[in-house]
């Protein structure tokens, strides 16, 4: 039974499936445009490799043995996977066209999507993308309501109800004013920040809710002095000395040379977050949407 992968080939499996479905070698050969003797030889080769009979030949046709039923089940799965792969690859060779509506959270849009969408556009110039920013909870809602082809969000509660593929991983960091007491530190813990005043995003953002949960786990509350609607505004508020902020690390890096701020690593394990692509069902995606999902899902 060793090295079946090397000894069994797709043609033999395809002919075996045809024989099982037709229950007759001659009819299977006619269906596959091949001589009956060639079909019989292929079946014999399978039996030699396995060491057990897969069919029993009778005067009016064949019956499939229990071993053959097992081989048939796997052969159908293998052939089905090959056909599905062929269908998906054909989307690339034929060139996807059309419009794709994507809803994505702020973190993915600011950190990763501009470059990824631009690269996809070069590969698929006839696909237009409508990208809308939403918080992670609304991404789930809109995809669930079929108001978008697919969404990109953090792996939050409720995302398990959708089909999903990994997109990227981001890390949270701490942005502090240049003159802050921690400005000379390289790494800090969230617990060590809880005595400070914070600048935060709107209450419905996934980041805000995560920080509130983590503070509650420490039996504390965040002292949020001001809330803003964008990461750009958040960083500028820190620059103005209005508080410190937890931001995606790549966002903070954009500002450390432009503003009087310092970026510190956050040591807590939860500071590493997963971004995922979610959709209702892969077979419901248009060719254009499936091409974009495949492109983005290969980026992690």
C-alpha atoms as a PDB file:
ATOM      1  CA  UNK A   1       0.000   0.000   0.000  1.00  0.00           C
ATOM      2  CA  UNK A   2       3.031   2.303   0.055  1.00  0.00           C
ATOM      3  CA  UNK A   3       3.622   5.078  -2.493  1.00  0.00           C
ATOM      4  CA  UNK A   4       0.089   5.036  -3.931  1.00  0.00           C
ATOM      5  CA  UNK A   5       0.659   8.621  -5.029  1.00  0.00           C
ATOM      6  CA  UNK A   6       3.451   7.479  -7.349  1.00  0.00           C
ATOM      7  CA  UNK A   7       1.697   4.376  -8.640  1.00  0.00           C
ATOM      8  CA  UNK A   8      -1.890   5.541  -9.215  1.00  0.00           C
ATOM      9  CA  UNK A   9      -2.602   8.063 -11.936  1.00  0.00           C
ATOM     10  CA  UNK A  10      -5.612  10.263 -12.681  1.00  0.00           C
ATOM     11  CA  UNK A  11      -6.426   8.548 -15.963  1.00  0.00           C
ATOM     12  CA  UNK A  12      -6.751   5.155 -14.277  1.00  0.00           C
ATOM     13  CA  UNK A  13      -8.937   6.615 -11.547  1.00  0.00           C
ATOM     14  CA  UNK A  14     -11.131   8.390 -14.112  1.00  0.00           C
ATOM     15  CA  UNK A  15     -11.629   5.174 -16.082  1.00  0.00           C
ATOM     16  CA  UNK A  16     -12.358   3.242 -12.892  1.00  0.00           C
ATOM     17  CA  UNK A  17     -15.049   5.794 -11.967  1.00  0.00           C
ATOM     18  CA  UNK A  18     -16.572   5.415 -15.433  1.00  0.00           C
ATOM     19  CA  UNK A  19     -16.680   1.621 -15.056  1.00  0.00           C
ATOM     20  CA  UNK A  20     -18.332   1.895 -11.636  1.00  0.00           C
ATOM     21  CA  UNK A  21     -20.910   4.358 -12.923  1.00  0.00           C
ATOM     22  CA  UNK A  22     -21.725   2.376 -16.083  1.00  0.00           C
ATOM     23  CA  UNK A  23     -21.458  -1.025 -14.370  1.00  0.00           C
ATOM     24  CA  UNK A  24     -20.044  -2.238 -17.653  1.00  0.00           C
ATOM     25  CA  UNK A  25     -16.508  -2.065 -19.090  1.00  0.00           C
ATOM     26  CA  UNK A  26     -17.659  -1.816 -22.718  1.00  0.00           C
ATOM     27  CA  UNK A  27     -20.042   1.066 -22.024  1.00  0.00           C
ATOM     28  CA  UNK A  28     -17.377   2.845 -19.952  1.00  0.00           C
ATOM     29  CA  UNK A  29     -14.898   2.449 -22.805  1.00  0.00           C
ATOM     30  CA  UNK A  30     -17.412   3.854 -25.290  1.00  0.00           C
ATOM     31  CA  UNK A  31     -18.106   6.818 -23.002  1.00  0.00           C
ATOM     32  CA  UNK A  32     -14.399   7.552 -22.612  1.00  0.00           C
ATOM     33  CA  UNK A  33     -13.530   6.948 -26.297  1.00  0.00           C
ATOM     34  CA  UNK A  34     -11.024   4.222 -25.504  1.00  0.00           C
ATOM     35  CA  UNK A  35     -10.749   0.497 -26.285  1.00  0.00           C
ATOM     36  CA  UNK A  36     -12.332  -1.893 -23.732  1.00  0.00           C
ATOM     37  CA  UNK A  37      -9.029  -3.761 -23.468  1.00  0.00           C
ATOM     38  CA  UNK A  38      -7.293  -0.547 -22.399  1.00  0.00           C
ATOM     39  CA  UNK A  39      -9.919   0.025 -19.699  1.00  0.00           C
ATOM     40  CA  UNK A  40      -9.496  -3.557 -18.444  1.00  0.00           C
ATOM     41  CA  UNK A  41      -5.732  -3.061 -18.341  1.00  0.00           C
ATOM     42  CA  UNK A  42      -6.099   0.119 -16.272  1.00  0.00           C
ATOM     43  CA  UNK A  43      -8.400  -1.627 -13.789  1.00  0.00           C
ATOM     44  CA  UNK A  44      -5.941  -4.510 -13.524  1.00  0.00           C
ATOM     45  CA  UNK A  45      -3.143  -2.021 -12.797  1.00  0.00           C
ATOM     46  CA  UNK A  46      -5.166  -0.506  -9.936  1.00  0.00           C
ATOM     47  CA  UNK A  47      -5.788  -3.966  -8.502  1.00  0.00           C
ATOM     48  CA  UNK A  48      -2.081  -4.814  -8.771  1.00  0.00           C
ATOM     49  CA  UNK A  49      -1.097  -1.661  -6.914  1.00  0.00           C
ATOM     50  CA  UNK A  50      -3.694  -2.171  -4.173  1.00  0.00           C
ATOM     51  CA  UNK A  51      -3.294  -5.933  -4.028  1.00  0.00           C
ATOM     52  CA  UNK A  52      -7.052  -6.517  -3.836  1.00  0.00           C
ATOM     53  CA  UNK A  53      -9.863  -6.773  -6.427  1.00  0.00           C
ATOM     54  CA  UNK A  54     -11.907  -3.613  -6.985  1.00  0.00           C
ATOM     55  CA  UNK A  55     -14.517  -5.115  -9.319  1.00  0.00           C
ATOM     56  CA  UNK A  56     -15.971  -8.528 -10.065  1.00  0.00           C
ATOM     57  CA  UNK A  57     -16.512  -9.285 -13.743  1.00  0.00           C
ATOM     58  CA  UNK A  58     -19.797 -10.941 -14.667  1.00  0.00           C
ATOM     59  CA  UNK A  59     -21.439 -11.950 -17.921  1.00  0.00           C
ATOM     60  CA  UNK A  60     -23.660  -8.871 -18.041  1.00  0.00           C
ATOM     61  CA  UNK A  61     -21.332  -6.331 -16.466  1.00  0.00           C
ATOM     62  CA  UNK A  62     -19.467  -5.783 -13.232  1.00  0.00           C
ATOM     63  CA  UNK A  63     -20.117  -5.356  -9.536  1.00  0.00           C
ATOM     64  CA  UNK A  64     -17.963  -3.178  -7.297  1.00  0.00           C
ATOM     65  CA  UNK A  65     -16.271  -4.873  -4.342  1.00  0.00           C
ATOM     66  CA  UNK A  66     -16.155  -3.258  -0.874  1.00  0.00           C
ATOM     67  CA  UNK A  67     -12.534  -2.336  -1.622  1.00  0.00           C
ATOM     68  CA  UNK A  68     -13.655  -0.835  -4.918  1.00  0.00           C
ATOM     69  CA  UNK A  69     -16.327   1.230  -3.157  1.00  0.00           C
ATOM     70  CA  UNK A  70     -13.601   2.746  -0.974  1.00  0.00           C
ATOM     71  CA  UNK A  71     -11.417   3.492  -3.990  1.00  0.00           C
ATOM     72  CA  UNK A  72     -14.434   4.974  -5.802  1.00  0.00           C
ATOM     73  CA  UNK A  73     -15.234   7.323  -2.927  1.00  0.00           C
ATOM     74  CA  UNK A  74     -11.711   8.745  -2.891  1.00  0.00           C
ATOM     75  CA  UNK A  75     -11.431   8.800  -6.678  1.00  0.00           C
ATOM     76  CA  UNK A  76     -14.582  10.927  -6.928  1.00  0.00           C
ATOM     77  CA  UNK A  77     -13.185  13.344  -4.324  1.00  0.00           C
ATOM     78  CA  UNK A  78      -9.832  13.590  -6.132  1.00  0.00           C
ATOM     79  CA  UNK A  79     -11.430  14.178  -9.526  1.00  0.00           C
ATOM     80  CA  UNK A  80     -13.834  16.708  -8.013  1.00  0.00           C
ATOM     81  CA  UNK A  81     -10.954  18.651  -6.497  1.00  0.00           C
ATOM     82  CA  UNK A  82      -9.077  18.670  -9.797  1.00  0.00           C
ATOM     83  CA  UNK A  83     -12.163  19.950 -11.614  1.00  0.00           C
ATOM     84  CA  UNK A  84     -12.692  22.659  -9.002  1.00  0.00           C
ATOM     85  CA  UNK A  85      -9.053  23.702  -9.318  1.00  0.00           C
ATOM     86  CA  UNK A  86      -9.440  23.870 -13.088  1.00  0.00           C
ATOM     87  CA  UNK A  87     -12.521  26.063 -12.755  1.00  0.00           C
ATOM     88  CA  UNK A  88     -10.772  28.463 -10.402  1.00  0.00           C
ATOM     89  CA  UNK A  89      -7.649  28.662 -12.552  1.00  0.00           C
ATOM     90  CA  UNK A  90      -9.764  29.363 -15.625  1.00  0.00           C
ATOM     91  CA  UNK A  91     -10.914  32.567 -13.953  1.00  0.00           C
ATOM     92  CA  UNK A  92      -7.340  33.754 -14.091  1.00  0.00           C
ATOM     93  CA  UNK A  93      -6.534  32.592 -17.600  1.00  0.00           C
ATOM     94  CA  UNK A  94      -9.748  33.999 -19.057  1.00  0.00           C
ATOM     95  CA  UNK A  95      -9.416  37.266 -17.174  1.00  0.00           C
ATOM     96  CA  UNK A  96     -11.958  38.271 -14.548  1.00  0.00           C
ATOM     97  CA  UNK A  97     -14.127  41.282 -15.308  1.00  0.00           C
ATOM     98  CA  UNK A  98     -16.732  43.286 -13.450  1.00  0.00           C
ATOM     99  CA  UNK A  99     -17.239  45.116 -10.181  1.00  0.00           C
ATOM    100  CA  UNK A 100     -16.513  43.866  -6.670  1.00  0.00           C
ATOM    101  CA  UNK A 101     -17.858  45.530  -3.544  1.00  0.00           C
ATOM    102  CA  UNK A 102     -15.658  45.104  -0.471  1.00  0.00           C
ATOM    103  CA  UNK A 103     -16.271  46.320   3.079  1.00  0.00           C
ATOM    104  CA  UNK A 104     -13.183  46.495   5.275  1.00  0.00           C
ATOM    105  CA  UNK A 105     -12.217  47.757   8.682  1.00  0.00           C
ATOM    106  CA  UNK A 106     -10.029  50.784   9.233  1.00  0.00           C
ATOM    107  CA  UNK A 107      -6.946  48.817  10.227  1.00  0.00           C
ATOM    108  CA  UNK A 108      -6.819  46.816   6.975  1.00  0.00           C
ATOM    109  CA  UNK A 109      -7.508  49.866   4.816  1.00  0.00           C
ATOM    110  CA  UNK A 110      -4.816  52.004   6.389  1.00  0.00           C
ATOM    111  CA  UNK A 111      -2.120  49.361   6.646  1.00  0.00           C
ATOM    112  CA  UNK A 112      -2.427  46.902   3.785  1.00  0.00           C
ATOM    113  CA  UNK A 113      -5.200  47.318   1.246  1.00  0.00           C
ATOM    114  CA  UNK A 114      -3.915  50.260  -0.850  1.00  0.00           C
ATOM    115  CA  UNK A 115      -0.856  48.339  -2.028  1.00  0.00           C
ATOM    116  CA  UNK A 116      -2.730  45.039  -2.385  1.00  0.00           C
ATOM    117  CA  UNK A 117      -5.600  46.558  -4.367  1.00  0.00           C
ATOM    118  CA  UNK A 118      -3.120  48.351  -6.633  1.00  0.00           C
ATOM    119  CA  UNK A 119      -1.240  45.093  -7.278  1.00  0.00           C
ATOM    120  CA  UNK A 120      -4.511  43.275  -8.021  1.00  0.00           C
ATOM    121  CA  UNK A 121      -5.494  46.063 -10.423  1.00  0.00           C
ATOM    122  CA  UNK A 122      -2.312  45.551 -12.409  1.00  0.00           C
ATOM    123  CA  UNK A 123      -3.066  41.818 -12.741  1.00  0.00           C
ATOM    124  CA  UNK A 124      -6.821  42.302 -13.386  1.00  0.00           C
ATOM    125  CA  UNK A 125      -7.261  45.699 -15.023  1.00  0.00           C
ATOM    126  CA  UNK A 126     -10.881  45.015 -16.029  1.00  0.00           C
ATOM    127  CA  UNK A 127     -12.082  44.513 -12.450  1.00  0.00           C
ATOM    128  CA  UNK A 128     -13.228  47.620 -10.599  1.00  0.00           C
ATOM    129  CA  UNK A 129     -13.295  47.575  -6.798  1.00  0.00           C
ATOM    130  CA  UNK A 130     -15.691  49.517  -4.613  1.00  0.00           C
ATOM    131  CA  UNK A 131     -14.084  49.694  -1.179  1.00  0.00           C
ATOM    132  CA  UNK A 132     -16.019  50.964   1.844  1.00  0.00           C
ATOM    133  CA  UNK A 133     -14.708  51.452   5.370  1.00  0.00           C
ATOM    134  CA  UNK A 134     -16.758  49.946   8.195  1.00  0.00           C
ATOM    135  CA  UNK A 135     -16.006  48.750  11.710  1.00  0.00           C
ATOM    136  CA  UNK A 136     -15.586  44.995  12.112  1.00  0.00           C
ATOM    137  CA  UNK A 137     -19.107  44.472  13.484  1.00  0.00           C
ATOM    138  CA  UNK A 138     -20.651  46.228  10.484  1.00  0.00           C
ATOM    139  CA  UNK A 139     -18.415  44.261   8.119  1.00  0.00           C
ATOM    140  CA  UNK A 140     -19.997  41.073   9.504  1.00  0.00           C
ATOM    141  CA  UNK A 141     -23.482  42.549   9.224  1.00  0.00           C
ATOM    142  CA  UNK A 142     -23.114  43.798   5.645  1.00  0.00           C
ATOM    143  CA  UNK A 143     -21.613  40.557   4.364  1.00  0.00           C
ATOM    144  CA  UNK A 144     -24.365  38.635   6.158  1.00  0.00           C
ATOM    145  CA  UNK A 145     -26.986  40.818   4.452  1.00  0.00           C
ATOM    146  CA  UNK A 146     -25.366  40.279   1.023  1.00  0.00           C
ATOM    147  CA  UNK A 147     -24.700  44.029   0.851  1.00  0.00           C
ATOM    148  CA  UNK A 148     -21.066  43.313  -0.078  1.00  0.00           C
ATOM    149  CA  UNK A 149     -19.306  40.553  -1.987  1.00  0.00           C
ATOM    150  CA  UNK A 150     -16.949  39.972   0.927  1.00  0.00           C
ATOM    151  CA  UNK A 151     -15.421  41.715   3.902  1.00  0.00           C
ATOM    152  CA  UNK A 152     -12.116  42.166   5.689  1.00  0.00           C
ATOM    153  CA  UNK A 153     -12.061  42.512   9.458  1.00  0.00           C
ATOM    154  CA  UNK A 154     -10.450  41.339  12.655  1.00  0.00           C
ATOM    155  CA  UNK A 155     -11.245  37.822  13.835  1.00  0.00           C
ATOM    156  CA  UNK A 156     -13.975  39.032  16.202  1.00  0.00           C
ATOM    157  CA  UNK A 157     -16.938  37.244  17.768  1.00  0.00           C
ATOM    158  CA  UNK A 158     -19.375  36.271  15.023  1.00  0.00           C
ATOM    159  CA  UNK A 159     -16.785  35.851  12.283  1.00  0.00           C
ATOM    160  CA  UNK A 160     -16.857  32.076  12.777  1.00  0.00           C
ATOM    161  CA  UNK A 161     -20.295  32.023  11.112  1.00  0.00           C
ATOM    162  CA  UNK A 162     -18.690  32.855   7.743  1.00  0.00           C
ATOM    163  CA  UNK A 163     -16.324  31.123   5.410  1.00  0.00           C
ATOM    164  CA  UNK A 164     -12.969  32.830   5.803  1.00  0.00           C
ATOM    165  CA  UNK A 165      -9.370  32.892   4.672  1.00  0.00           C
ATOM    166  CA  UNK A 166      -6.429  34.545   6.482  1.00  0.00           C
ATOM    167  CA  UNK A 167      -5.494  37.981   5.184  1.00  0.00           C
ATOM    168  CA  UNK A 168      -2.785  39.594   7.298  1.00  0.00           C
ATOM    169  CA  UNK A 169      -1.536  39.834  10.856  1.00  0.00           C
ATOM    170  CA  UNK A 170      -1.059  43.173  12.554  1.00  0.00           C
ATOM    171  CA  UNK A 171       0.531  44.161  15.842  1.00  0.00           C
ATOM    172  CA  UNK A 172      -0.652  46.852  18.198  1.00  0.00           C
ATOM    173  CA  UNK A 173       1.793  49.393  19.611  1.00  0.00           C
ATOM    174  CA  UNK A 174       1.702  52.409  21.928  1.00  0.00           C
ATOM    175  CA  UNK A 175       2.045  55.952  20.588  1.00  0.00           C
ATOM    176  CA  UNK A 176       3.146  58.539  23.148  1.00  0.00           C
ATOM    177  CA  UNK A 177       4.093  62.247  22.890  1.00  0.00           C
ATOM    178  CA  UNK A 178       7.802  62.967  22.491  1.00  0.00           C
ATOM    179  CA  UNK A 179       8.068  64.321  26.034  1.00  0.00           C
ATOM    180  CA  UNK A 180       6.127  61.518  27.716  1.00  0.00           C
ATOM    181  CA  UNK A 181       7.617  59.706  30.723  1.00  0.00           C
ATOM    182  CA  UNK A 182       7.739  56.468  28.672  1.00  0.00           C
ATOM    183  CA  UNK A 183       9.207  58.013  25.515  1.00  0.00           C
ATOM    184  CA  UNK A 184      12.602  56.408  26.126  1.00  0.00           C
ATOM    185  CA  UNK A 185      11.174  52.896  26.607  1.00  0.00           C
ATOM    186  CA  UNK A 186      11.253  50.261  23.863  1.00  0.00           C
ATOM    187  CA  UNK A 187       8.574  47.918  25.213  1.00  0.00           C
ATOM    188  CA  UNK A 188       5.734  48.308  27.698  1.00  0.00           C
ATOM    189  CA  UNK A 189       2.786  46.306  29.004  1.00  0.00           C
ATOM    190  CA  UNK A 190      -0.816  47.425  28.814  1.00  0.00           C
ATOM    191  CA  UNK A 191      -1.135  47.253  32.594  1.00  0.00           C
ATOM    192  CA  UNK A 192       1.671  49.779  32.929  1.00  0.00           C
ATOM    193  CA  UNK A 193      -0.294  52.290  30.827  1.00  0.00           C
ATOM    194  CA  UNK A 194      -3.567  52.261  32.732  1.00  0.00           C
ATOM    195  CA  UNK A 195      -2.692  55.277  34.860  1.00  0.00           C
ATOM    196  CA  UNK A 196      -2.369  57.465  31.755  1.00  0.00           C
ATOM    197  CA  UNK A 197      -4.958  59.436  29.824  1.00  0.00           C
ATOM    198  CA  UNK A 198      -5.820  57.960  26.433  1.00  0.00           C
ATOM    199  CA  UNK A 199      -6.960  59.229  23.068  1.00  0.00           C
ATOM    200  CA  UNK A 200      -9.330  56.669  21.527  1.00  0.00           C
ATOM    201  CA  UNK A 201     -11.364  55.797  18.464  1.00  0.00           C
ATOM    202  CA  UNK A 202     -15.146  55.729  18.393  1.00  0.00           C
ATOM    203  CA  UNK A 203     -16.764  53.316  20.820  1.00  0.00           C
ATOM    204  CA  UNK A 204     -17.991  50.937  18.091  1.00  0.00           C
ATOM    205  CA  UNK A 205     -14.518  50.196  16.717  1.00  0.00           C
ATOM    206  CA  UNK A 206     -13.097  46.707  17.304  1.00  0.00           C
ATOM    207  CA  UNK A 207      -9.916  48.233  18.750  1.00  0.00           C
ATOM    208  CA  UNK A 208     -11.829  50.325  21.290  1.00  0.00           C
ATOM    209  CA  UNK A 209     -13.866  47.335  22.403  1.00  0.00           C
ATOM    210  CA  UNK A 210     -10.766  45.160  22.704  1.00  0.00           C
ATOM    211  CA  UNK A 211      -9.004  47.736  24.892  1.00  0.00           C
ATOM    212  CA  UNK A 212     -12.077  48.079  27.100  1.00  0.00           C
ATOM    213  CA  UNK A 213     -12.141  44.291  27.597  1.00  0.00           C
ATOM    214  CA  UNK A 214      -8.448  44.157  28.428  1.00  0.00           C
ATOM    215  CA  UNK A 215      -8.790  47.000  30.942  1.00  0.00           C
ATOM    216  CA  UNK A 216     -11.741  45.223  32.551  1.00  0.00           C
ATOM    217  CA  UNK A 217      -9.622  42.067  32.823  1.00  0.00           C
ATOM    218  CA  UNK A 218      -7.211  44.164  34.913  1.00  0.00           C
ATOM    219  CA  UNK A 219     -10.160  45.447  36.983  1.00  0.00           C
ATOM    220  CA  UNK A 220      -9.509  48.919  35.607  1.00  0.00           C
ATOM    221  CA  UNK A 221     -11.107  51.400  33.201  1.00  0.00           C
ATOM    222  CA  UNK A 222      -9.454  53.371  30.425  1.00  0.00           C
ATOM    223  CA  UNK A 223      -9.296  57.097  31.066  1.00  0.00           C
ATOM    224  CA  UNK A 224     -10.249  58.261  27.557  1.00  0.00           C
ATOM    225  CA  UNK A 225     -10.098  62.058  27.304  1.00  0.00           C
ATOM    226  CA  UNK A 226     -11.116  62.385  23.668  1.00  0.00           C
ATOM    227  CA  UNK A 227     -12.441  60.132  20.907  1.00  0.00           C
ATOM    228  CA  UNK A 228     -11.852  60.618  17.188  1.00  0.00           C
ATOM    229  CA  UNK A 229     -13.005  58.855  14.013  1.00  0.00           C
ATOM    230  CA  UNK A 230      -9.709  58.189  12.242  1.00  0.00           C
ATOM    231  CA  UNK A 231      -6.241  56.886  13.006  1.00  0.00           C
ATOM    232  CA  UNK A 232      -4.723  60.017  11.463  1.00  0.00           C
ATOM    233  CA  UNK A 233      -6.622  62.212  13.934  1.00  0.00           C
ATOM    234  CA  UNK A 234      -5.679  59.832  16.752  1.00  0.00           C
ATOM    235  CA  UNK A 235      -1.963  60.223  16.035  1.00  0.00           C
ATOM    236  CA  UNK A 236      -2.229  64.000  15.742  1.00  0.00           C
ATOM    237  CA  UNK A 237      -3.992  64.204  19.098  1.00  0.00           C
ATOM    238  CA  UNK A 238      -1.084  62.303  20.661  1.00  0.00           C
ATOM    239  CA  UNK A 239       1.333  64.712  18.977  1.00  0.00           C
ATOM    240  CA  UNK A 240      -0.576  67.580  20.606  1.00  0.00           C
ATOM    241  CA  UNK A 241      -0.086  66.005  24.037  1.00  0.00           C
ATOM    242  CA  UNK A 242      -3.737  65.139  24.652  1.00  0.00           C
ATOM    243  CA  UNK A 243      -2.976  61.567  25.689  1.00  0.00           C
ATOM    244  CA  UNK A 244      -1.422  58.291  24.596  1.00  0.00           C
ATOM    245  CA  UNK A 245      -2.965  55.845  22.131  1.00  0.00           C
ATOM    246  CA  UNK A 246      -2.909  52.178  21.142  1.00  0.00           C
ATOM    247  CA  UNK A 247      -2.520  51.993  17.354  1.00  0.00           C
ATOM    248  CA  UNK A 248      -1.610  49.386  14.735  1.00  0.00           C
ATOM    249  CA  UNK A 249       2.184  49.356  14.631  1.00  0.00           C
ATOM    250  CA  UNK A 250       2.423  50.053  10.909  1.00  0.00           C
ATOM    251  CA  UNK A 251       0.172  53.086  11.308  1.00  0.00           C
ATOM    252  CA  UNK A 252       2.352  54.457  14.099  1.00  0.00           C
ATOM    253  CA  UNK A 253       5.471  54.001  11.969  1.00  0.00           C
ATOM    254  CA  UNK A 254       4.015  56.393   9.411  1.00  0.00           C
ATOM    255  CA  UNK A 255       4.026  59.207  11.977  1.00  0.00           C
ATOM    256  CA  UNK A 256       7.173  58.777  14.061  1.00  0.00           C
ATOM    257  CA  UNK A 257       9.260  60.858  11.663  1.00  0.00           C
ATOM    258  CA  UNK A 258       6.540  63.385  10.828  1.00  0.00           C
ATOM    259  CA  UNK A 259       5.262  64.172  14.343  1.00  0.00           C
ATOM    260  CA  UNK A 260       6.756  64.580  17.791  1.00  0.00           C
ATOM    261  CA  UNK A 261       5.733  61.100  18.934  1.00  0.00           C
ATOM    262  CA  UNK A 262       7.419  57.855  19.971  1.00  0.00           C
ATOM    263  CA  UNK A 263       6.253  54.318  19.192  1.00  0.00           C
ATOM    264  CA  UNK A 264       6.644  51.610  21.829  1.00  0.00           C
ATOM    265  CA  UNK A 265       6.101  47.867  21.394  1.00  0.00           C
ATOM    266  CA  UNK A 266       3.230  46.390  23.373  1.00  0.00           C
ATOM    267  CA  UNK A 267       4.360  43.162  25.038  1.00  0.00           C
ATOM    268  CA  UNK A 268       0.927  41.634  25.698  1.00  0.00           C
ATOM    269  CA  UNK A 269       0.095  38.496  23.682  1.00  0.00           C
ATOM    270  CA  UNK A 270      -3.278  39.911  22.572  1.00  0.00           C
ATOM    271  CA  UNK A 271      -1.460  42.781  20.834  1.00  0.00           C
ATOM    272  CA  UNK A 272      -1.044  40.496  17.808  1.00  0.00           C
ATOM    273  CA  UNK A 273      -4.316  40.400  15.836  1.00  0.00           C
ATOM    274  CA  UNK A 274      -5.530  38.412  12.845  1.00  0.00           C
ATOM    275  CA  UNK A 275      -7.189  40.060   9.873  1.00  0.00           C
ATOM    276  CA  UNK A 276      -9.412  37.759   7.831  1.00  0.00           C
ATOM    277  CA  UNK A 277     -11.382  37.803   4.579  1.00  0.00           C
ATOM    278  CA  UNK A 278     -14.979  36.653   5.179  1.00  0.00           C
ATOM    279  CA  UNK A 279     -17.777  35.670   2.773  1.00  0.00           C
ATOM    280  CA  UNK A 280     -21.029  33.731   2.883  1.00  0.00           C
ATOM    281  CA  UNK A 281     -20.004  30.852   0.617  1.00  0.00           C
ATOM    282  CA  UNK A 282     -17.210  30.456  -1.914  1.00  0.00           C
ATOM    283  CA  UNK A 283     -19.524  29.077  -4.591  1.00  0.00           C
ATOM    284  CA  UNK A 284     -21.629  32.257  -4.352  1.00  0.00           C
ATOM    285  CA  UNK A 285     -18.699  34.532  -5.220  1.00  0.00           C
ATOM    286  CA  UNK A 286     -18.572  35.992  -8.699  1.00  0.00           C
ATOM    287  CA  UNK A 287     -15.495  35.220 -10.788  1.00  0.00           C
ATOM    288  CA  UNK A 288     -14.156  38.724 -10.071  1.00  0.00           C
ATOM    289  CA  UNK A 289     -14.785  38.470  -6.323  1.00  0.00           C
ATOM    290  CA  UNK A 290     -13.269  34.968  -6.188  1.00  0.00           C
ATOM    291  CA  UNK A 291     -10.169  36.216  -8.002  1.00  0.00           C
ATOM    292  CA  UNK A 292      -9.757  39.065  -5.504  1.00  0.00           C
ATOM    293  CA  UNK A 293     -10.333  36.790  -2.496  1.00  0.00           C
ATOM    294  CA  UNK A 294      -7.709  34.389  -3.844  1.00  0.00           C
ATOM    295  CA  UNK A 295      -5.284  37.242  -4.424  1.00  0.00           C
ATOM    296  CA  UNK A 296      -5.717  38.750  -0.944  1.00  0.00           C
ATOM    297  CA  UNK A 297      -5.776  35.386   0.791  1.00  0.00           C
ATOM    298  CA  UNK A 298      -2.298  34.593  -0.497  1.00  0.00           C
ATOM    299  CA  UNK A 299      -0.740  37.605   1.184  1.00  0.00           C
ATOM    300  CA  UNK A 300      -0.125  36.391   4.723  1.00  0.00           C
END
